Amino acid sequence: MRVATWNVNSVKQRVPRLLPWLDQRQPDVVCLQETKLTDDAFTSLLGGELDRRGYAMALHGQAQWNGVAILSRAGLDDVITGIPGGPGFPEPEARAISAVCGGVRVHSVYVPNGRVPDSDHYHYKLAWLAALREQVAAGPEAVMVCGDMNIAPADADVFDPEAYIGQTHVTPPEREALASLEALGLHDVVRDRWPDRRVFTYWDYRAGMFHQDLGMRIDLVLAAWVDRQARKGTGPSDHAPVIVDLDEAPDGDIGPVVPPPSAPAAKRGSVKLPQAP
């Protein structure tokens, strides 16, 4: 079973990329984040195309913001939208959905950004992660958590740790919350398998960050390779898909692989983030 996760940053904008990508990569289960459409609008836009490709849909949408989905050709049972009892900001947002696909409980999650360390949104992020951990800990044992975690697990997962001083995504409480989730038995296999490789999944649209390979690894799943090609070209999302082959890849030459970086690492302290003062 091939599982992919992709923050598409507006599924409406990404249709010209999404459908050809599905045809090329042939995932059995797809976790999407930042769909930015209501369920009815998503179904109207893509229901027919996905049905023709054999995908059932589980949707938890929200107009303009957030939104998560699971597309599956491997079964789609016992769908749960949101995190039962989880926090909101101030109301619960469309940030989580899970379903049983091929005998595995698959979670598609879009973790809150956190905005500024110690802000109200930052504390909401930590509370949301704690609620997600409780949900995953409740079972079943066969589980995957896929999505935009909005956390770089370690300094090796950002292009320059100095550029992120005072920023979210890298603070100790965020990383501790992610580590607590992984401690349930989840494995960050990208880092386990390629401990010394420079692998990113997100690049800011601004300041030519992608072309300089000034990115972060914040889209996580158990056993994955990053489909860097999907970030190139016209009309990309600012995130690349991450793909998991739970058994053998249907085409032996596709992965799992880690593509080489597009540029060497920048000298520490030489590049600021676009949002930095």
C-alpha atoms as a PDB file:
ATOM      1  CA  MET A   1       0.000   0.000   0.000  1.00  0.00           C
ATOM      2  CA  ARG A   2       1.428   3.365  -1.020  1.00  0.00           C
ATOM      3  CA  VAL A   3       0.491   6.249   1.293  1.00  0.00           C
ATOM      4  CA  ALA A   4       1.218   9.898   0.526  1.00  0.00           C
ATOM      5  CA  THR A   5       0.762  13.103   2.494  1.00  0.00           C
ATOM      6  CA  TRP A   6       0.702  16.554   0.934  1.00  0.00           C
ATOM      7  CA  ASN A   7      -0.109  20.018   2.212  1.00  0.00           C
ATOM      8  CA  VAL A   8      -1.537  21.341  -1.050  1.00  0.00           C
ATOM      9  CA  ASN A   9      -2.061  24.919   0.174  1.00  0.00           C
ATOM     10  CA  SER A  10      -5.492  25.218  -1.532  1.00  0.00           C
ATOM     11  CA  VAL A  11      -6.745  22.178  -3.410  1.00  0.00           C
ATOM     12  CA  LYS A  12      -8.622  24.463  -5.828  1.00  0.00           C
ATOM     13  CA  GLN A  13      -5.352  26.093  -6.862  1.00  0.00           C
ATOM     14  CA  ARG A  14      -3.555  22.757  -6.994  1.00  0.00           C
ATOM     15  CA  VAL A  15      -5.952  20.790  -9.245  1.00  0.00           C
ATOM     16  CA  PRO A  16      -3.666  21.161 -12.307  1.00  0.00           C
ATOM     17  CA  ARG A  17      -0.876  19.574 -10.243  1.00  0.00           C
ATOM     18  CA  LEU A  18      -2.847  17.150  -8.066  1.00  0.00           C
ATOM     19  CA  LEU A  19      -4.591  15.036 -10.703  1.00  0.00           C
ATOM     20  CA  PRO A  20      -1.508  14.397 -12.884  1.00  0.00           C
ATOM     21  CA  TRP A  21       0.470  13.655  -9.712  1.00  0.00           C
ATOM     22  CA  LEU A  22      -2.091  11.049  -8.652  1.00  0.00           C
ATOM     23  CA  ASP A  23      -1.833   9.439 -12.088  1.00  0.00           C
ATOM     24  CA  GLN A  24       1.952   9.451 -12.026  1.00  0.00           C
ATOM     25  CA  ARG A  25       2.636   8.322  -8.449  1.00  0.00           C
ATOM     26  CA  GLN A  26      -0.406   6.049  -8.043  1.00  0.00           C
ATOM     27  CA  PRO A  27      -0.802   6.317  -4.247  1.00  0.00           C
ATOM     28  CA  ASP A  28      -3.380   4.062  -2.636  1.00  0.00           C
ATOM     29  CA  VAL A  29      -4.041   6.450   0.250  1.00  0.00           C
ATOM     30  CA  VAL A  30      -3.532  10.220   0.147  1.00  0.00           C
ATOM     31  CA  CYS A  31      -3.621  12.551   3.153  1.00  0.00           C
ATOM     32  CA  LEU A  32      -4.205  16.177   2.171  1.00  0.00           C
ATOM     33  CA  GLN A  33      -3.876  19.301   4.288  1.00  0.00           C
ATOM     34  CA  GLU A  34      -4.840  22.949   3.796  1.00  0.00           C
ATOM     35  CA  THR A  35      -7.556  22.044   1.316  1.00  0.00           C
ATOM     36  CA  LYS A  36      -9.286  25.373   2.088  1.00  0.00           C
ATOM     37  CA  LEU A  37     -12.707  24.189   0.852  1.00  0.00           C
ATOM     38  CA  THR A  38     -15.949  23.120   2.458  1.00  0.00           C
ATOM     39  CA  ASP A  39     -16.829  19.447   2.005  1.00  0.00           C
ATOM     40  CA  ASP A  40     -19.516  20.274  -0.571  1.00  0.00           C
ATOM     41  CA  ALA A  41     -17.145  22.481  -2.560  1.00  0.00           C
ATOM     42  CA  PHE A  42     -14.429  19.813  -2.485  1.00  0.00           C
ATOM     43  CA  THR A  43     -16.864  17.165  -3.698  1.00  0.00           C
ATOM     44  CA  SER A  44     -18.169  19.421  -6.466  1.00  0.00           C
ATOM     45  CA  LEU A  45     -14.645  20.234  -7.600  1.00  0.00           C
ATOM     46  CA  LEU A  46     -13.007  16.805  -7.455  1.00  0.00           C
ATOM     47  CA  GLY A  47     -15.585  14.145  -6.638  1.00  0.00           C
ATOM     48  CA  GLY A  48     -16.019  12.958 -10.221  1.00  0.00           C
ATOM     49  CA  GLU A  49     -12.306  12.948 -11.047  1.00  0.00           C
ATOM     50  CA  LEU A  50     -11.430  11.041  -7.892  1.00  0.00           C
ATOM     51  CA  ASP A  51     -14.239   8.554  -8.351  1.00  0.00           C
ATOM     52  CA  ARG A  52     -12.991   7.784 -11.874  1.00  0.00           C
ATOM     53  CA  ARG A  53      -9.592   7.055 -10.363  1.00  0.00           C
ATOM     54  CA  GLY A  54     -11.112   4.726  -7.773  1.00  0.00           C
ATOM     55  CA  TYR A  55     -10.703   6.957  -4.713  1.00  0.00           C
ATOM     56  CA  ALA A  56     -13.218   7.189  -1.890  1.00  0.00           C
ATOM     57  CA  MET A  57     -13.079  10.462   0.054  1.00  0.00           C
ATOM     58  CA  ALA A  58     -13.212  11.390   3.736  1.00  0.00           C
ATOM     59  CA  LEU A  59     -13.410  15.163   4.155  1.00  0.00           C
ATOM     60  CA  HIS A  60     -13.213  17.658   6.984  1.00  0.00           C
ATOM     61  CA  GLY A  61     -13.230  21.040   5.289  1.00  0.00           C
ATOM     62  CA  GLN A  62     -13.458  24.695   6.129  1.00  0.00           C
ATOM     63  CA  ALA A  63     -13.959  27.616   3.753  1.00  0.00           C
ATOM     64  CA  GLN A  64     -10.781  29.606   3.037  1.00  0.00           C
ATOM     65  CA  TRP A  65      -8.713  28.104   5.845  1.00  0.00           C
ATOM     66  CA  ASN A  66      -7.357  24.773   7.068  1.00  0.00           C
ATOM     67  CA  GLY A  67      -9.149  21.634   5.810  1.00  0.00           C
ATOM     68  CA  VAL A  68      -7.954  18.018   5.713  1.00  0.00           C
ATOM     69  CA  ALA A  69      -8.910  14.987   3.648  1.00  0.00           C
ATOM     70  CA  ILE A  70      -8.117  11.332   3.070  1.00  0.00           C
ATOM     71  CA  LEU A  71      -8.444   9.762  -0.374  1.00  0.00           C
ATOM     72  CA  SER A  72      -8.297   5.987  -0.439  1.00  0.00           C
ATOM     73  CA  ARG A  73      -8.385   3.079  -2.860  1.00  0.00           C
ATOM     74  CA  ALA A  74      -7.622   0.682   0.013  1.00  0.00           C
ATOM     75  CA  GLY A  75     -10.851   1.027   1.965  1.00  0.00           C
ATOM     76  CA  LEU A  76     -12.148   3.941   4.005  1.00  0.00           C
ATOM     77  CA  ASP A  77     -13.863   2.909   7.209  1.00  0.00           C
ATOM     78  CA  ASP A  78     -14.672   4.333  10.648  1.00  0.00           C
ATOM     79  CA  VAL A  79     -14.006   7.962   9.710  1.00  0.00           C
ATOM     80  CA  ILE A  80     -13.385  10.349  12.615  1.00  0.00           C
ATOM     81  CA  THR A  81     -13.372  14.094  11.940  1.00  0.00           C
ATOM     82  CA  GLY A  82     -11.429  16.350  14.244  1.00  0.00           C
ATOM     83  CA  ILE A  83      -9.946  15.380  17.589  1.00  0.00           C
ATOM     84  CA  PRO A  84     -12.734  14.457  20.001  1.00  0.00           C
ATOM     85  CA  GLY A  85     -12.493  16.804  22.965  1.00  0.00           C
ATOM     86  CA  GLY A  86      -9.605  18.704  21.369  1.00  0.00           C
ATOM     87  CA  PRO A  87      -9.051  22.457  21.724  1.00  0.00           C
ATOM     88  CA  GLY A  88     -10.115  25.195  19.321  1.00  0.00           C
ATOM     89  CA  PHE A  89      -9.061  28.731  18.555  1.00  0.00           C
ATOM     90  CA  PRO A  90     -11.543  29.576  19.926  1.00  0.00           C
ATOM     91  CA  GLU A  91     -13.731  26.981  18.150  1.00  0.00           C
ATOM     92  CA  PRO A  92     -12.427  23.625  16.836  1.00  0.00           C
ATOM     93  CA  GLU A  93     -10.864  23.937  13.385  1.00  0.00           C
ATOM     94  CA  ALA A  94     -10.734  21.498  10.467  1.00  0.00           C
ATOM     95  CA  ARG A  95      -7.246  20.193  11.186  1.00  0.00           C
ATOM     96  CA  ALA A  96      -7.569  16.430  11.669  1.00  0.00           C
ATOM     97  CA  ILE A  97      -9.319  13.465  10.132  1.00  0.00           C
ATOM     98  CA  SER A  98      -8.650   9.747  10.424  1.00  0.00           C
ATOM     99  CA  ALA A  99      -9.953   6.552   8.889  1.00  0.00           C
ATOM    100  CA  VAL A 100      -9.074   2.875   8.651  1.00  0.00           C
ATOM    101  CA  CYS A 101      -7.462   2.185   5.273  1.00  0.00           C
ATOM    102  CA  GLY A 102      -6.178  -1.287   4.487  1.00  0.00           C
ATOM    103  CA  GLY A 103      -6.394  -2.241   8.150  1.00  0.00           C
ATOM    104  CA  VAL A 104      -4.357   0.778   9.333  1.00  0.00           C
ATOM    105  CA  ARG A 105      -5.732   3.791  11.200  1.00  0.00           C
ATOM    106  CA  VAL A 106      -4.444   6.704   9.096  1.00  0.00           C
ATOM    107  CA  HIS A 107      -4.486  10.239  10.518  1.00  0.00           C
ATOM    108  CA  SER A 108      -4.212  13.262   8.233  1.00  0.00           C
ATOM    109  CA  VAL A 109      -3.252  16.248  10.377  1.00  0.00           C
ATOM    110  CA  TYR A 110      -2.537  19.929   9.904  1.00  0.00           C
ATOM    111  CA  VAL A 111      -0.938  21.038  13.159  1.00  0.00           C
ATOM    112  CA  PRO A 112      -1.489  24.697  14.113  1.00  0.00           C
ATOM    113  CA  ASN A 113       1.365  26.981  13.106  1.00  0.00           C
ATOM    114  CA  GLY A 114       1.922  28.595  16.501  1.00  0.00           C
ATOM    115  CA  ARG A 115       2.687  31.976  14.926  1.00  0.00           C
ATOM    116  CA  VAL A 116       4.898  33.514  17.633  1.00  0.00           C
ATOM    117  CA  PRO A 117       6.500  31.713  20.592  1.00  0.00           C
ATOM    118  CA  ASP A 118       4.489  32.100  23.801  1.00  0.00           C
ATOM    119  CA  SER A 119       1.499  33.611  21.949  1.00  0.00           C
ATOM    120  CA  ASP A 120      -2.045  32.362  22.447  1.00  0.00           C
ATOM    121  CA  HIS A 121      -1.789  30.460  19.149  1.00  0.00           C
ATOM    122  CA  TYR A 122       1.476  28.865  20.270  1.00  0.00           C
ATOM    123  CA  HIS A 123      -0.156  27.515  23.442  1.00  0.00           C
ATOM    124  CA  TYR A 124      -3.100  26.336  21.352  1.00  0.00           C
ATOM    125  CA  LYS A 125      -0.608  24.427  19.181  1.00  0.00           C
ATOM    126  CA  LEU A 126       0.860  22.635  22.200  1.00  0.00           C
ATOM    127  CA  ALA A 127      -2.602  21.819  23.581  1.00  0.00           C
ATOM    128  CA  TRP A 128      -3.686  20.541  20.161  1.00  0.00           C
ATOM    129  CA  LEU A 129      -0.637  18.268  19.939  1.00  0.00           C
ATOM    130  CA  ALA A 130      -1.343  16.910  23.417  1.00  0.00           C
ATOM    131  CA  ALA A 131      -4.929  16.104  22.367  1.00  0.00           C
ATOM    132  CA  LEU A 132      -3.672  14.407  19.202  1.00  0.00           C
ATOM    133  CA  ARG A 133      -1.322  12.274  21.292  1.00  0.00           C
ATOM    134  CA  GLU A 134      -4.224  11.181  23.499  1.00  0.00           C
ATOM    135  CA  GLN A 135      -6.270  10.242  20.457  1.00  0.00           C
ATOM    136  CA  VAL A 136      -3.449   8.201  18.905  1.00  0.00           C
ATOM    137  CA  ALA A 137      -2.592   6.575  22.250  1.00  0.00           C
ATOM    138  CA  ALA A 138      -6.173   5.314  22.539  1.00  0.00           C
ATOM    139  CA  GLY A 139      -5.465   2.928  19.654  1.00  0.00           C
ATOM    140  CA  PRO A 140      -5.458   0.958  17.511  1.00  0.00           C
ATOM    141  CA  GLU A 141      -1.860  -0.251  17.416  1.00  0.00           C
ATOM    142  CA  ALA A 142      -1.694  -0.230  13.597  1.00  0.00           C
ATOM    143  CA  VAL A 143      -1.563   3.535  13.067  1.00  0.00           C
ATOM    144  CA  MET A 144       0.089   6.197  10.947  1.00  0.00           C
ATOM    145  CA  VAL A 145       0.134   9.934  11.542  1.00  0.00           C
ATOM    146  CA  CYS A 146       0.734  11.836   8.325  1.00  0.00           C
ATOM    147  CA  GLY A 147       0.746  15.515   7.630  1.00  0.00           C
ATOM    148  CA  ASP A 148       2.085  18.979   8.104  1.00  0.00           C
ATOM    149  CA  MET A 149       3.370  18.911  11.663  1.00  0.00           C
ATOM    150  CA  ASN A 150       4.621  22.519  11.551  1.00  0.00           C
ATOM    151  CA  ILE A 151       7.606  21.341  13.610  1.00  0.00           C
ATOM    152  CA  ALA A 152      11.150  20.637  12.446  1.00  0.00           C
ATOM    153  CA  PRO A 153      12.198  17.703  14.670  1.00  0.00           C
ATOM    154  CA  ALA A 154      15.848  18.775  14.990  1.00  0.00           C
ATOM    155  CA  ASP A 155      18.284  21.454  13.886  1.00  0.00           C
ATOM    156  CA  ALA A 156      19.297  19.202  10.976  1.00  0.00           C
ATOM    157  CA  ASP A 157      15.768  19.682   9.617  1.00  0.00           C
ATOM    158  CA  VAL A 158      16.175  23.402   8.880  1.00  0.00           C
ATOM    159  CA  PHE A 159      18.572  25.054   6.456  1.00  0.00           C
ATOM    160  CA  ASP A 160      20.204  27.122   9.207  1.00  0.00           C
ATOM    161  CA  PRO A 161      19.304  26.920  12.915  1.00  0.00           C
ATOM    162  CA  GLU A 162      20.547  30.484  13.425  1.00  0.00           C
ATOM    163  CA  ALA A 163      17.900  31.793  11.023  1.00  0.00           C
ATOM    164  CA  TYR A 164      15.165  30.315  13.223  1.00  0.00           C
ATOM    165  CA  ILE A 165      16.204  31.812  16.545  1.00  0.00           C
ATOM    166  CA  GLY A 166      13.085  33.370  18.076  1.00  0.00           C
ATOM    167  CA  GLN A 167      10.781  31.616  15.587  1.00  0.00           C
ATOM    168  CA  THR A 168       8.203  28.872  16.014  1.00  0.00           C
ATOM    169  CA  HIS A 169       8.606  25.341  14.585  1.00  0.00           C
ATOM    170  CA  VAL A 170      11.929  24.780  16.382  1.00  0.00           C
ATOM    171  CA  THR A 171      11.344  25.622  20.053  1.00  0.00           C
ATOM    172  CA  PRO A 172      11.996  22.970  22.714  1.00  0.00           C
ATOM    173  CA  PRO A 173       8.316  22.688  23.818  1.00  0.00           C
ATOM    174  CA  GLU A 174       7.193  22.049  20.218  1.00  0.00           C
ATOM    175  CA  ARG A 175       9.900  19.450  19.649  1.00  0.00           C
ATOM    176  CA  GLU A 176       9.118  17.815  22.986  1.00  0.00           C
ATOM    177  CA  ALA A 177       5.435  17.559  22.018  1.00  0.00           C
ATOM    178  CA  LEU A 178       6.392  15.890  18.734  1.00  0.00           C
ATOM    179  CA  ALA A 179       8.802  13.537  20.494  1.00  0.00           C
ATOM    180  CA  SER A 180       6.043  12.599  22.952  1.00  0.00           C
ATOM    181  CA  LEU A 181       3.797  11.664  20.028  1.00  0.00           C
ATOM    182  CA  GLU A 182       6.546   9.597  18.405  1.00  0.00           C
ATOM    183  CA  ALA A 183       7.197   7.868  21.741  1.00  0.00           C
ATOM    184  CA  LEU A 184       3.905   6.036  21.288  1.00  0.00           C
ATOM    185  CA  GLY A 185       5.735   3.863  18.759  1.00  0.00           C
ATOM    186  CA  LEU A 186       5.780   6.075  15.691  1.00  0.00           C
ATOM    187  CA  HIS A 187       9.081   6.256  13.815  1.00  0.00           C
ATOM    188  CA  ASP A 188      10.472   9.090  11.756  1.00  0.00           C
ATOM    189  CA  VAL A 189      11.948   6.706   9.206  1.00  0.00           C
ATOM    190  CA  VAL A 190      13.267   9.421   6.899  1.00  0.00           C
ATOM    191  CA  ARG A 191      15.686  10.461   9.613  1.00  0.00           C
ATOM    192  CA  ASP A 192      16.213   6.886  10.801  1.00  0.00           C
ATOM    193  CA  ARG A 193      17.153   5.693   7.333  1.00  0.00           C
ATOM    194  CA  TRP A 194      19.039   8.772   6.151  1.00  0.00           C
ATOM    195  CA  PRO A 195      20.531  10.209   9.349  1.00  0.00           C
ATOM    196  CA  ASP A 196      23.001  12.467   7.561  1.00  0.00           C
ATOM    197  CA  ARG A 197      21.010  13.619   4.534  1.00  0.00           C
ATOM    198  CA  ARG A 198      19.734  17.142   4.041  1.00  0.00           C
ATOM    199  CA  VAL A 199      16.038  16.616   3.268  1.00  0.00           C
ATOM    200  CA  PHE A 200      13.395  19.353   3.267  1.00  0.00           C
ATOM    201  CA  THR A 201       9.656  19.273   2.541  1.00  0.00           C
ATOM    202  CA  TYR A 202       8.717  22.978   2.780  1.00  0.00           C
ATOM    203  CA  TRP A 203      10.154  26.086   1.172  1.00  0.00           C
ATOM    204  CA  ASP A 204       8.710  29.592   1.571  1.00  0.00           C
ATOM    205  CA  TYR A 205       7.372  31.103  -1.660  1.00  0.00           C
ATOM    206  CA  ARG A 206       9.268  34.310  -0.957  1.00  0.00           C
ATOM    207  CA  ALA A 207      12.867  35.311  -1.651  1.00  0.00           C
ATOM    208  CA  GLY A 208      13.666  32.355  -3.923  1.00  0.00           C
ATOM    209  CA  MET A 209      13.874  30.004  -0.962  1.00  0.00           C
ATOM    210  CA  PHE A 210      13.125  26.855  -2.987  1.00  0.00           C
ATOM    211  CA  HIS A 211      15.700  27.523  -5.689  1.00  0.00           C
ATOM    212  CA  GLN A 212      18.343  28.069  -3.017  1.00  0.00           C
ATOM    213  CA  ASP A 213      17.118  24.988  -1.119  1.00  0.00           C
ATOM    214  CA  LEU A 214      16.517  27.064   2.011  1.00  0.00           C
ATOM    215  CA  GLY A 215      13.810  24.920   3.527  1.00  0.00           C
ATOM    216  CA  MET A 216      12.534  22.888   6.448  1.00  0.00           C
ATOM    217  CA  ARG A 217      11.422  19.297   7.017  1.00  0.00           C
ATOM    218  CA  ILE A 218       8.033  19.654   8.694  1.00  0.00           C
ATOM    219  CA  ASP A 219       5.859  17.177   6.733  1.00  0.00           C
ATOM    220  CA  LEU A 220       6.269  13.828   8.451  1.00  0.00           C
ATOM    221  CA  VAL A 221       5.175  10.217   8.099  1.00  0.00           C
ATOM    222  CA  LEU A 222       6.527   6.825   9.134  1.00  0.00           C
ATOM    223  CA  ALA A 223       8.465   5.538   6.127  1.00  0.00           C
ATOM    224  CA  ALA A 224       8.793   8.048   3.387  1.00  0.00           C
ATOM    225  CA  TRP A 225      10.538   9.694   0.506  1.00  0.00           C
ATOM    226  CA  VAL A 226      10.008  13.318  -0.468  1.00  0.00           C
ATOM    227  CA  ASP A 227       8.600  13.945  -3.948  1.00  0.00           C
ATOM    228  CA  ARG A 228      10.687  17.040  -4.561  1.00  0.00           C
ATOM    229  CA  GLN A 229       9.684  17.211  -8.236  1.00  0.00           C
ATOM    230  CA  ALA A 230       6.150  18.216  -7.229  1.00  0.00           C
ATOM    231  CA  ARG A 231       7.482  21.472  -5.692  1.00  0.00           C
ATOM    232  CA  LYS A 232       9.074  22.542  -9.003  1.00  0.00           C
ATOM    233  CA  GLY A 233       7.474  24.174 -12.029  1.00  0.00           C
ATOM    234  CA  THR A 234       4.333  26.267 -12.396  1.00  0.00           C
ATOM    235  CA  GLY A 235       1.744  26.620  -9.645  1.00  0.00           C
ATOM    236  CA  PRO A 236       3.294  24.452  -6.917  1.00  0.00           C
ATOM    237  CA  SER A 237       2.296  24.233  -3.289  1.00  0.00           C
ATOM    238  CA  ASP A 238       4.931  25.517  -0.863  1.00  0.00           C
ATOM    239  CA  HIS A 239       5.124  21.943   0.484  1.00  0.00           C
ATOM    240  CA  ALA A 240       6.305  18.809  -1.325  1.00  0.00           C
ATOM    241  CA  PRO A 241       4.414  15.518  -0.981  1.00  0.00           C
ATOM    242  CA  VAL A 242       5.868  12.791   1.224  1.00  0.00           C
ATOM    243  CA  ILE A 243       5.206   9.238   0.030  1.00  0.00           C
ATOM    244  CA  VAL A 244       5.259   5.942   1.945  1.00  0.00           C
ATOM    245  CA  ASP A 245       5.509   2.446   0.510  1.00  0.00           C
ATOM    246  CA  LEU A 246       4.310   0.091   3.232  1.00  0.00           C
ATOM    247  CA  ASP A 247       5.158  -2.907   1.070  1.00  0.00           C
ATOM    248  CA  GLU A 248       6.927  -2.815  -2.296  1.00  0.00           C
ATOM    249  CA  ALA A 249       6.697   0.111  -4.674  1.00  0.00           C
ATOM    250  CA  PRO A 250       4.560  -0.781  -7.715  1.00  0.00           C
ATOM    251  CA  ASP A 251       7.373   0.480  -9.918  1.00  0.00           C
ATOM    252  CA  GLY A 252      10.775  -0.496  -8.594  1.00  0.00           C
ATOM    253  CA  ASP A 253      12.584   2.556  -9.935  1.00  0.00           C
ATOM    254  CA  ILE A 254      10.524   5.185  -8.108  1.00  0.00           C
ATOM    255  CA  GLY A 255      11.582   4.920  -4.495  1.00  0.00           C
ATOM    256  CA  PRO A 256      12.034   5.157  -1.674  1.00  0.00           C
ATOM    257  CA  VAL A 257      14.766   7.648  -2.499  1.00  0.00           C
ATOM    258  CA  VAL A 258      15.918  10.988  -1.219  1.00  0.00           C
ATOM    259  CA  PRO A 259      16.633  13.372  -4.101  1.00  0.00           C
ATOM    260  CA  PRO A 260      19.840  15.384  -3.779  1.00  0.00           C
ATOM    261  CA  PRO A 261      19.487  18.975  -2.628  1.00  0.00           C
ATOM    262  CA  SER A 262      19.281  21.657  -5.293  1.00  0.00           C
ATOM    263  CA  ALA A 263      22.010  23.734  -3.671  1.00  0.00           C
ATOM    264  CA  PRO A 264      24.733  23.331  -1.034  1.00  0.00           C
ATOM    265  CA  ALA A 265      23.978  24.403   2.507  1.00  0.00           C
ATOM    266  CA  ALA A 266      24.243  28.125   3.108  1.00  0.00           C
ATOM    267  CA  LYS A 267      26.848  29.479   5.472  1.00  0.00           C
ATOM    268  CA  ARG A 268      25.339  29.725   8.941  1.00  0.00           C
ATOM    269  CA  GLY A 269      23.950  33.162   9.681  1.00  0.00           C
ATOM    270  CA  SER A 270      24.183  34.283   6.061  1.00  0.00           C
ATOM    271  CA  VAL A 271      20.460  34.090   5.221  1.00  0.00           C
ATOM    272  CA  LYS A 272      17.479  35.495   7.104  1.00  0.00           C
ATOM    273  CA  LEU A 273      13.931  34.218   6.907  1.00  0.00           C
ATOM    274  CA  PRO A 274      11.619  36.399   4.764  1.00  0.00           C
ATOM    275  CA  GLN A 275       9.524  37.220   7.855  1.00  0.00           C
ATOM    276  CA  ALA A 276      12.544  38.103  10.017  1.00  0.00           C
ATOM    277  CA  PRO A 277      12.951  41.772  11.003  1.00  0.00           C
END
